[in-house]
């Protein structure tokens, strides 16, 4: 609200600021997912399967898989917590529409 009121008269500046905030949020989320996948790979998976050393290609593939499922877990966990502690459903419905989930209210 503040951005549109103060900087709304300059064309394009509102969009630039909003895109900057969204890109910073995405960067923070992706670095968190990447570090979570690295911890899972290095500290848990490698300790449990210490018999055979993994090739670099296998580590990259496993890291990508862990990133994907870590981000899905964080995404689902966030919306479960949001549904438990909020009274409105608009964010949950927008999440379902974004992920292509069709349902009837």
N, C-alpha and C. Protein backbone atom coordinates (compact mmCIF):
# COMPACT_ATOMS: atom_id res chain seq x y z
N UNK A 1 0.82 -1.18 0.00
CA UNK A 1 0.00 0.00 0.00
C UNK A 1 0.87 1.25 0.00
N UNK A 2 1.91 1.24 0.79
CA UNK A 2 2.80 2.39 0.89
C UNK A 2 3.50 2.66 -0.44
N UNK A 3 3.90 1.62 -1.12
CA UNK A 3 4.62 1.78 -2.38
C UNK A 3 3.74 2.43 -3.43
N UNK A 4 2.50 1.99 -3.54
CA UNK A 4 1.62 2.56 -4.55
C UNK A 4 1.21 3.99 -4.23
N UNK A 5 1.12 4.33 -2.96
CA UNK A 5 0.74 5.70 -2.59
C UNK A 5 1.87 6.68 -2.83
N UNK A 6 3.08 6.31 -2.44
CA UNK A 6 4.19 7.25 -2.54
C UNK A 6 4.80 7.25 -3.94
N UNK A 7 5.01 6.06 -4.51
CA UNK A 7 5.72 5.98 -5.79
C UNK A 7 4.82 5.64 -6.96
N UNK A 8 3.51 5.72 -6.78
CA UNK A 8 2.57 5.37 -7.84
C UNK A 8 2.60 6.30 -9.03
N UNK A 9 3.09 7.51 -8.85
CA UNK A 9 3.12 8.48 -9.95
C UNK A 9 4.24 8.24 -10.94
N UNK A 10 5.26 7.50 -10.55
CA UNK A 10 6.39 7.22 -11.45
C UNK A 10 6.11 5.91 -12.18
N UNK A 11 5.98 5.94 -13.48
CA UNK A 11 5.63 4.72 -14.21
C UNK A 11 6.71 3.64 -14.09
N UNK A 12 6.29 2.44 -13.74
CA UNK A 12 7.19 1.30 -13.70
C UNK A 12 7.91 1.09 -12.38
N UNK A 13 7.97 2.11 -11.54
CA UNK A 13 8.73 1.98 -10.30
C UNK A 13 8.03 1.08 -9.30
N UNK A 14 6.72 1.10 -9.26
CA UNK A 14 5.98 0.22 -8.36
C UNK A 14 6.22 -1.24 -8.72
N UNK A 15 6.16 -1.55 -10.00
CA UNK A 15 6.43 -2.93 -10.45
C UNK A 15 7.85 -3.35 -10.17
N UNK A 16 8.79 -2.43 -10.31
CA UNK A 16 10.19 -2.74 -10.04
C UNK A 16 10.40 -3.08 -8.56
N UNK A 17 9.79 -2.32 -7.68
CA UNK A 17 9.93 -2.58 -6.25
C UNK A 17 9.25 -3.88 -5.85
N UNK A 18 8.06 -4.13 -6.38
CA UNK A 18 7.35 -5.38 -6.06
C UNK A 18 8.13 -6.58 -6.59
N UNK A 19 8.67 -6.49 -7.80
CA UNK A 19 9.46 -7.60 -8.33
C UNK A 19 10.75 -7.80 -7.54
N UNK A 20 11.32 -6.73 -7.02
CA UNK A 20 12.52 -6.86 -6.18
C UNK A 20 12.22 -7.60 -4.89
N UNK A 21 11.10 -7.28 -4.27
CA UNK A 21 10.71 -7.96 -3.04
C UNK A 21 10.42 -9.44 -3.30
N UNK A 22 9.73 -9.72 -4.40
CA UNK A 22 9.43 -11.12 -4.72
C UNK A 22 10.69 -11.91 -5.07
N UNK A 23 11.63 -11.30 -5.78
CA UNK A 23 12.86 -12.01 -6.10
C UNK A 23 13.72 -12.24 -4.87
N UNK A 24 13.72 -11.32 -3.93
CA UNK A 24 14.44 -11.53 -2.68
C UNK A 24 13.81 -12.67 -1.87
N UNK A 25 12.48 -12.73 -1.88
CA UNK A 25 11.79 -13.82 -1.18
C UNK A 25 12.11 -15.17 -1.82
N UNK A 26 12.08 -15.23 -3.13
CA UNK A 26 12.39 -16.47 -3.83
C UNK A 26 13.83 -16.89 -3.61
N UNK A 27 14.73 -15.94 -3.58
CA UNK A 27 16.14 -16.25 -3.33
C UNK A 27 16.34 -16.83 -1.93
N UNK A 28 15.67 -16.26 -0.96
CA UNK A 28 15.77 -16.76 0.41
C UNK A 28 15.19 -18.17 0.52
N UNK A 29 14.05 -18.40 -0.12
CA UNK A 29 13.43 -19.71 -0.09
C UNK A 29 14.31 -20.75 -0.78
N UNK A 30 14.88 -20.41 -1.93
CA UNK A 30 15.69 -21.38 -2.66
C UNK A 30 17.00 -21.70 -1.92
N UNK A 31 17.58 -20.72 -1.26
CA UNK A 31 18.80 -21.02 -0.50
C UNK A 31 18.49 -21.88 0.72
N UNK A 32 17.33 -21.69 1.32
CA UNK A 32 16.93 -22.54 2.43
C UNK A 32 16.68 -23.97 2.00
N UNK A 33 16.02 -24.14 0.85
CA UNK A 33 15.76 -25.49 0.32
C UNK A 33 17.07 -26.16 -0.06
N UNK A 34 17.98 -25.40 -0.68
CA UNK A 34 19.27 -25.95 -1.07
C UNK A 34 20.07 -26.39 0.15
N UNK A 35 20.08 -25.61 1.20
CA UNK A 35 20.83 -26.01 2.39
C UNK A 35 20.18 -27.19 3.10
N UNK A 36 18.86 -27.27 3.06
CA UNK A 36 18.17 -28.42 3.65
C UNK A 36 18.50 -29.70 2.88
N UNK A 37 18.53 -29.63 1.56
CA UNK A 37 18.88 -30.80 0.75
C UNK A 37 20.34 -31.19 0.97
N UNK A 38 21.22 -30.22 1.13
CA UNK A 38 22.63 -30.52 1.38
C UNK A 38 22.82 -31.22 2.72
N UNK A 39 22.12 -30.76 3.73
CA UNK A 39 22.21 -31.40 5.05
C UNK A 39 21.68 -32.83 4.98
N UNK A 40 20.55 -33.02 4.29
CA UNK A 40 20.01 -34.36 4.15
C UNK A 40 20.97 -35.29 3.41
N UNK A 41 21.61 -34.77 2.37
CA UNK A 41 22.52 -35.59 1.58
C UNK A 41 23.81 -35.89 2.34
N UNK A 42 24.45 -34.86 2.85
CA UNK A 42 25.77 -35.03 3.47
C UNK A 42 25.70 -35.67 4.86
N UNK A 43 24.79 -35.22 5.68
CA UNK A 43 24.79 -35.65 7.08
C UNK A 43 23.96 -36.90 7.33
N UNK A 44 22.94 -37.13 6.54
CA UNK A 44 22.08 -38.28 6.81
C UNK A 44 22.31 -39.40 5.79
N UNK A 45 22.16 -39.08 4.51
CA UNK A 45 22.23 -40.14 3.50
C UNK A 45 23.63 -40.76 3.41
N UNK A 46 24.66 -39.92 3.40
CA UNK A 46 26.02 -40.46 3.27
C UNK A 46 26.45 -41.24 4.51
N UNK A 47 25.96 -40.88 5.66
CA UNK A 47 26.30 -41.65 6.86
C UNK A 47 25.60 -43.00 6.89
N UNK A 48 24.37 -43.05 6.37
CA UNK A 48 23.64 -44.31 6.35
C UNK A 48 24.14 -45.25 5.27
N UNK A 49 24.62 -44.71 4.16
CA UNK A 49 25.10 -45.56 3.07
C UNK A 49 26.59 -45.34 2.85
N UNK A 50 27.38 -45.57 3.86
CA UNK A 50 28.83 -45.32 3.77
C UNK A 50 29.59 -46.48 3.14
N UNK A 51 28.89 -47.51 2.68
CA UNK A 51 29.57 -48.66 2.09
C UNK A 51 30.21 -48.32 0.75
N UNK A 52 29.44 -47.74 -0.14
CA UNK A 52 29.93 -47.42 -1.48
C UNK A 52 30.03 -45.91 -1.66
N UNK A 53 31.16 -45.41 -2.12
CA UNK A 53 31.24 -43.97 -2.41
C UNK A 53 30.38 -43.63 -3.63
N UNK A 54 29.73 -42.47 -3.58
CA UNK A 54 28.85 -42.05 -4.66
C UNK A 54 29.63 -41.25 -5.70
N UNK A 55 29.24 -41.40 -6.95
CA UNK A 55 29.85 -40.59 -8.01
C UNK A 55 29.26 -39.18 -7.95
N UNK A 56 29.91 -38.27 -8.63
CA UNK A 56 29.43 -36.89 -8.66
C UNK A 56 28.08 -36.78 -9.34
N UNK A 57 27.86 -37.55 -10.39
CA UNK A 57 26.59 -37.52 -11.10
C UNK A 57 25.45 -37.99 -10.20
N UNK A 58 25.71 -39.03 -9.41
CA UNK A 58 24.68 -39.53 -8.50
C UNK A 58 24.40 -38.52 -7.39
N UNK A 59 25.42 -37.83 -6.90
CA UNK A 59 25.21 -36.81 -5.88
C UNK A 59 24.37 -35.66 -6.42
N UNK A 60 24.64 -35.26 -7.66
CA UNK A 60 23.87 -34.17 -8.26
C UNK A 60 22.41 -34.58 -8.43
N UNK A 61 22.19 -35.80 -8.93
CA UNK A 61 20.83 -36.28 -9.13
C UNK A 61 20.09 -36.38 -7.79
N UNK A 62 20.73 -36.94 -6.80
CA UNK A 62 20.10 -37.07 -5.48
C UNK A 62 19.85 -35.70 -4.85
N UNK A 63 20.75 -34.77 -5.06
CA UNK A 63 20.56 -33.42 -4.54
C UNK A 63 19.36 -32.73 -5.19
N UNK A 64 19.18 -32.92 -6.49
CA UNK A 64 18.02 -32.34 -7.18
C UNK A 64 16.73 -32.96 -6.68
N UNK A 65 16.72 -34.26 -6.47
CA UNK A 65 15.53 -34.93 -5.96
C UNK A 65 15.21 -34.44 -4.56
N UNK A 66 16.23 -34.32 -3.72
CA UNK A 66 16.01 -33.84 -2.35
C UNK A 66 15.52 -32.39 -2.34
N UNK A 67 16.02 -31.56 -3.25
CA UNK A 67 15.55 -30.17 -3.34
C UNK A 67 14.08 -30.13 -3.71
N UNK A 68 13.70 -30.95 -4.68
CA UNK A 68 12.31 -30.97 -5.11
C UNK A 68 11.38 -31.37 -3.98
N UNK A 69 11.71 -32.48 -3.31
CA UNK A 69 10.81 -32.96 -2.26
C UNK A 69 10.90 -32.11 -0.99
N UNK A 70 12.03 -31.49 -0.74
CA UNK A 70 12.12 -30.57 0.40
C UNK A 70 11.25 -29.35 0.18
N UNK A 71 11.28 -28.81 -1.03
CA UNK A 71 10.45 -27.63 -1.30
C UNK A 71 8.96 -27.98 -1.26
N UNK A 72 8.60 -29.16 -1.76
CA UNK A 72 7.20 -29.58 -1.68
C UNK A 72 6.76 -29.77 -0.23
N UNK A 73 7.64 -30.35 0.59
CA UNK A 73 7.33 -30.54 2.00
C UNK A 73 7.14 -29.20 2.70
N UNK A 74 8.05 -28.27 2.46
CA UNK A 74 7.95 -26.95 3.09
C UNK A 74 6.68 -26.24 2.63
N UNK A 75 6.38 -26.35 1.34
CA UNK A 75 5.19 -25.71 0.78
C UNK A 75 3.92 -26.27 1.42
N UNK A 76 3.80 -27.58 1.47
CA UNK A 76 2.60 -28.20 2.06
C UNK A 76 2.51 -27.93 3.56
N UNK A 77 3.63 -27.99 4.25
CA UNK A 77 3.65 -27.74 5.69
C UNK A 77 3.22 -26.31 6.00
N UNK A 78 3.67 -25.36 5.20
CA UNK A 78 3.31 -23.97 5.40
C UNK A 78 1.80 -23.77 5.30
N UNK A 79 1.19 -24.35 4.29
CA UNK A 79 -0.24 -24.15 4.11
C UNK A 79 -1.08 -24.94 5.10
N UNK A 80 -0.56 -26.05 5.59
CA UNK A 80 -1.27 -26.77 6.65
C UNK A 80 -1.28 -25.92 7.92
N UNK A 81 -0.14 -25.36 8.27
CA UNK A 81 -0.06 -24.50 9.45
C UNK A 81 -0.92 -23.26 9.27
N UNK A 82 -0.90 -22.68 8.07
CA UNK A 82 -1.71 -21.50 7.82
C UNK A 82 -3.19 -21.82 7.99
N UNK A 83 -3.63 -22.97 7.48
CA UNK A 83 -5.04 -23.36 7.61
C UNK A 83 -5.42 -23.59 9.07
N UNK A 84 -4.51 -24.11 9.87
CA UNK A 84 -4.82 -24.37 11.27
C UNK A 84 -4.97 -23.09 12.08
N UNK A 85 -4.18 -22.07 11.74
CA UNK A 85 -4.13 -20.89 12.58
C UNK A 85 -4.74 -19.65 11.96
N UNK A 86 -5.53 -19.78 10.91
CA UNK A 86 -6.15 -18.57 10.36
C UNK A 86 -7.63 -18.83 10.12
N UNK A 87 -8.36 -17.77 10.09
CA UNK A 87 -9.79 -17.89 9.89
C UNK A 87 -10.20 -17.76 8.43
N UNK A 88 -9.37 -17.14 7.61
CA UNK A 88 -9.75 -16.96 6.21
C UNK A 88 -9.14 -18.05 5.34
N UNK A 89 -9.80 -18.30 4.22
CA UNK A 89 -9.37 -19.37 3.34
C UNK A 89 -8.83 -18.87 2.01
N UNK A 90 -8.66 -17.59 1.82
CA UNK A 90 -8.29 -17.08 0.51
C UNK A 90 -6.91 -17.55 0.08
N UNK A 91 -5.95 -17.63 1.01
CA UNK A 91 -4.61 -18.05 0.63
C UNK A 91 -4.58 -19.53 0.27
N UNK A 92 -5.35 -20.33 1.00
CA UNK A 92 -5.42 -21.76 0.69
C UNK A 92 -6.05 -21.97 -0.68
N UNK A 93 -7.11 -21.25 -0.99
CA UNK A 93 -7.76 -21.39 -2.29
C UNK A 93 -6.85 -20.91 -3.42
N UNK A 94 -6.14 -19.83 -3.19
CA UNK A 94 -5.22 -19.37 -4.23
C UNK A 94 -4.09 -20.36 -4.44
N UNK A 95 -3.64 -21.02 -3.37
CA UNK A 95 -2.62 -22.07 -3.48
C UNK A 95 -3.16 -23.23 -4.31
N UNK A 96 -4.39 -23.65 -4.05
CA UNK A 96 -4.98 -24.76 -4.80
C UNK A 96 -5.16 -24.41 -6.26
N UNK A 97 -5.58 -23.18 -6.53
CA UNK A 97 -5.74 -22.77 -7.93
C UNK A 97 -4.39 -22.68 -8.62
N UNK A 98 -3.36 -22.23 -7.91
CA UNK A 98 -2.03 -22.12 -8.48
C UNK A 98 -1.47 -23.49 -8.85
N UNK A 99 -1.73 -24.48 -8.03
CA UNK A 99 -1.22 -25.83 -8.28
C UNK A 99 -2.19 -26.67 -9.11
N UNK A 100 -3.26 -26.09 -9.60
CA UNK A 100 -4.15 -26.79 -10.49
C UNK A 100 -5.10 -27.76 -9.81
N UNK A 101 -5.34 -27.57 -8.53
CA UNK A 101 -6.24 -28.45 -7.81
C UNK A 101 -7.66 -27.90 -7.95
N UNK A 102 -8.54 -28.69 -8.50
CA UNK A 102 -9.93 -28.26 -8.67
C UNK A 102 -10.79 -28.86 -7.56
N UNK A 103 -11.60 -28.04 -6.98
CA UNK A 103 -12.47 -28.51 -5.91
C UNK A 103 -13.70 -27.63 -5.87
N UNK A 104 -14.70 -28.09 -5.16
CA UNK A 104 -15.92 -27.30 -4.96
C UNK A 104 -16.02 -26.94 -3.49
N UNK A 105 -16.49 -25.75 -3.24
CA UNK A 105 -16.62 -25.30 -1.86
C UNK A 105 -17.88 -25.82 -1.24
